[in-house]
Amino acid sequence: MGRAEYYTDPDQVMVPTGTPHGLTLVGYSLGLDLMVAEDAFVRLEGRTFHGVDAVFNDVHGSTHDNTAITVSTAVRF
């Protein structure tokens, strides 16, 4: 399952960034749900965001992009 997102807050009401365009970004994600046992599930998800301004931080300073890969588990009882 996948999805695309668009978020904009040019007046920086919800998320103050101090950048010229506020928080304006596009995001994409792709997820995979696996049933590994009758009552146990694993979810794999990859997600990436791209901002008009460099609103994300990494080890090299500010950047326009943020990407994450996550794994989660759930057990039903």
C-alpha atoms as a PDB file:
ATOM      1  CA  MET A   1       0.000   0.000   0.000  1.00  0.00           C
ATOM      2  CA  GLY A   2       1.345   3.447  -0.820  1.00  0.00           C
ATOM      3  CA  ARG A   3       0.328   7.050  -0.554  1.00  0.00           C
ATOM      4  CA  ALA A   4       1.387  10.569  -1.486  1.00  0.00           C
ATOM      5  CA  GLU A   5       1.067  13.648   0.725  1.00  0.00           C
ATOM      6  CA  TYR A   6       1.333  17.395   0.233  1.00  0.00           C
ATOM      7  CA  TYR A   7       1.561  19.831   3.123  1.00  0.00           C
ATOM      8  CA  THR A   8       1.912  23.595   3.082  1.00  0.00           C
ATOM      9  CA  ASP A   9       2.003  26.143   5.903  1.00  0.00           C
ATOM     10  CA  PRO A  10       3.452  29.263   4.230  1.00  0.00           C
ATOM     11  CA  ASP A  11       2.430  31.538   7.118  1.00  0.00           C
ATOM     12  CA  GLN A  12       4.100  29.176   9.618  1.00  0.00           C
ATOM     13  CA  VAL A  13       1.031  28.967  11.841  1.00  0.00           C
ATOM     14  CA  MET A  14       1.326  25.265  12.730  1.00  0.00           C
ATOM     15  CA  VAL A  15       5.061  24.689  12.120  1.00  0.00           C
ATOM     16  CA  PRO A  16       7.396  27.689  12.479  1.00  0.00           C
ATOM     17  CA  THR A  17      10.497  27.046  10.355  1.00  0.00           C
ATOM     18  CA  GLY A  18      11.951  30.523   9.867  1.00  0.00           C
ATOM     19  CA  THR A  19      12.395  29.765   6.150  1.00  0.00           C
ATOM     20  CA  PRO A  20      11.124  31.867   3.220  1.00  0.00           C
ATOM     21  CA  HIS A  21       8.341  29.430   2.214  1.00  0.00           C
ATOM     22  CA  GLY A  22       7.413  28.083   5.643  1.00  0.00           C
ATOM     23  CA  LEU A  23       6.839  24.352   5.680  1.00  0.00           C
ATOM     24  CA  THR A  24       5.962  23.221   2.166  1.00  0.00           C
ATOM     25  CA  LEU A  25       6.696  19.605   1.354  1.00  0.00           C
ATOM     26  CA  VAL A  26       5.728  16.546  -0.639  1.00  0.00           C
ATOM     27  CA  GLY A  27       5.928  13.048   0.801  1.00  0.00           C
ATOM     28  CA  TYR A  28       5.626   9.499  -0.453  1.00  0.00           C
ATOM     29  CA  SER A  29       5.393   6.227   1.416  1.00  0.00           C
ATOM     30  CA  LEU A  30       5.169   2.567   0.564  1.00  0.00           C
ATOM     31  CA  GLY A  31       4.233  -0.095   3.100  1.00  0.00           C
ATOM     32  CA  LEU A  32       4.025  -3.861   3.225  1.00  0.00           C
ATOM     33  CA  ASP A  33       2.045  -5.774   5.868  1.00  0.00           C
ATOM     34  CA  LEU A  34       3.025  -9.392   6.453  1.00  0.00           C
ATOM     35  CA  MET A  35       1.183 -11.914   8.595  1.00  0.00           C
ATOM     36  CA  VAL A  36       4.044 -13.993  10.049  1.00  0.00           C
ATOM     37  CA  ALA A  37       1.774 -16.123  12.275  1.00  0.00           C
ATOM     38  CA  GLU A  38      -1.959 -16.391  12.896  1.00  0.00           C
ATOM     39  CA  ASP A  39      -1.905 -13.516  15.402  1.00  0.00           C
ATOM     40  CA  ALA A  40       1.383 -11.772  14.572  1.00  0.00           C
ATOM     41  CA  PHE A  41       2.091  -9.139  11.944  1.00  0.00           C
ATOM     42  CA  VAL A  42       5.149  -7.276  10.666  1.00  0.00           C
ATOM     43  CA  ARG A  43       4.906  -3.975   8.813  1.00  0.00           C
ATOM     44  CA  LEU A  44       7.737  -2.642   6.640  1.00  0.00           C
ATOM     45  CA  GLU A  45       7.490   0.977   5.509  1.00  0.00           C
ATOM     46  CA  GLY A  46       9.658   3.318   3.496  1.00  0.00           C
ATOM     47  CA  ARG A  47       8.866   7.019   3.572  1.00  0.00           C
ATOM     48  CA  THR A  48      10.492  10.094   2.052  1.00  0.00           C
ATOM     49  CA  PHE A  49       9.749  13.820   2.258  1.00  0.00           C
ATOM     50  CA  HIS A  50      11.056  16.659   0.089  1.00  0.00           C
ATOM     51  CA  GLY A  51      10.747  20.278   1.223  1.00  0.00           C
ATOM     52  CA  VAL A  52      10.869  23.432  -0.879  1.00  0.00           C
ATOM     53  CA  ASP A  53      13.256  24.867   1.750  1.00  0.00           C
ATOM     54  CA  ALA A  54      15.909  22.963   3.702  1.00  0.00           C
ATOM     55  CA  VAL A  55      13.773  22.245   6.789  1.00  0.00           C
ATOM     56  CA  PHE A  56      15.294  18.898   7.828  1.00  0.00           C
ATOM     57  CA  ASN A  57      18.528  18.442   9.773  1.00  0.00           C
ATOM     58  CA  ASP A  58      21.161  15.765   9.250  1.00  0.00           C
ATOM     59  CA  VAL A  59      24.819  15.327  10.197  1.00  0.00           C
ATOM     60  CA  HIS A  60      25.877  17.748   7.429  1.00  0.00           C
ATOM     61  CA  GLY A  61      23.455  20.554   8.379  1.00  0.00           C
ATOM     62  CA  SER A  62      20.110  21.436   6.814  1.00  0.00           C
ATOM     63  CA  THR A  63      18.716  19.485   3.877  1.00  0.00           C
ATOM     64  CA  HIS A  64      15.617  19.409   1.679  1.00  0.00           C
ATOM     65  CA  ASP A  65      15.049  15.653   2.051  1.00  0.00           C
ATOM     66  CA  ASN A  66      14.218  13.207   4.830  1.00  0.00           C
ATOM     67  CA  THR A  67      13.926   9.454   4.299  1.00  0.00           C
ATOM     68  CA  ALA A  68      13.145   6.697   6.802  1.00  0.00           C
ATOM     69  CA  ILE A  69      12.688   2.941   6.682  1.00  0.00           C
ATOM     70  CA  THR A  70      10.785   1.456   9.612  1.00  0.00           C
ATOM     71  CA  VAL A  71       9.807  -2.005  10.816  1.00  0.00           C
ATOM     72  CA  SER A  72       7.048  -2.591  13.362  1.00  0.00           C
ATOM     73  CA  THR A  73       5.415  -5.653  14.860  1.00  0.00           C
ATOM     74  CA  ALA A  74       1.977  -6.317  16.287  1.00  0.00           C
ATOM     75  CA  VAL A  75       0.581  -9.260  18.188  1.00  0.00           C
ATOM     76  CA  ARG A  76      -3.113  -9.904  18.655  1.00  0.00           C
ATOM     77  CA  PHE A  77      -4.297 -11.753  21.783  1.00  0.00           C
END
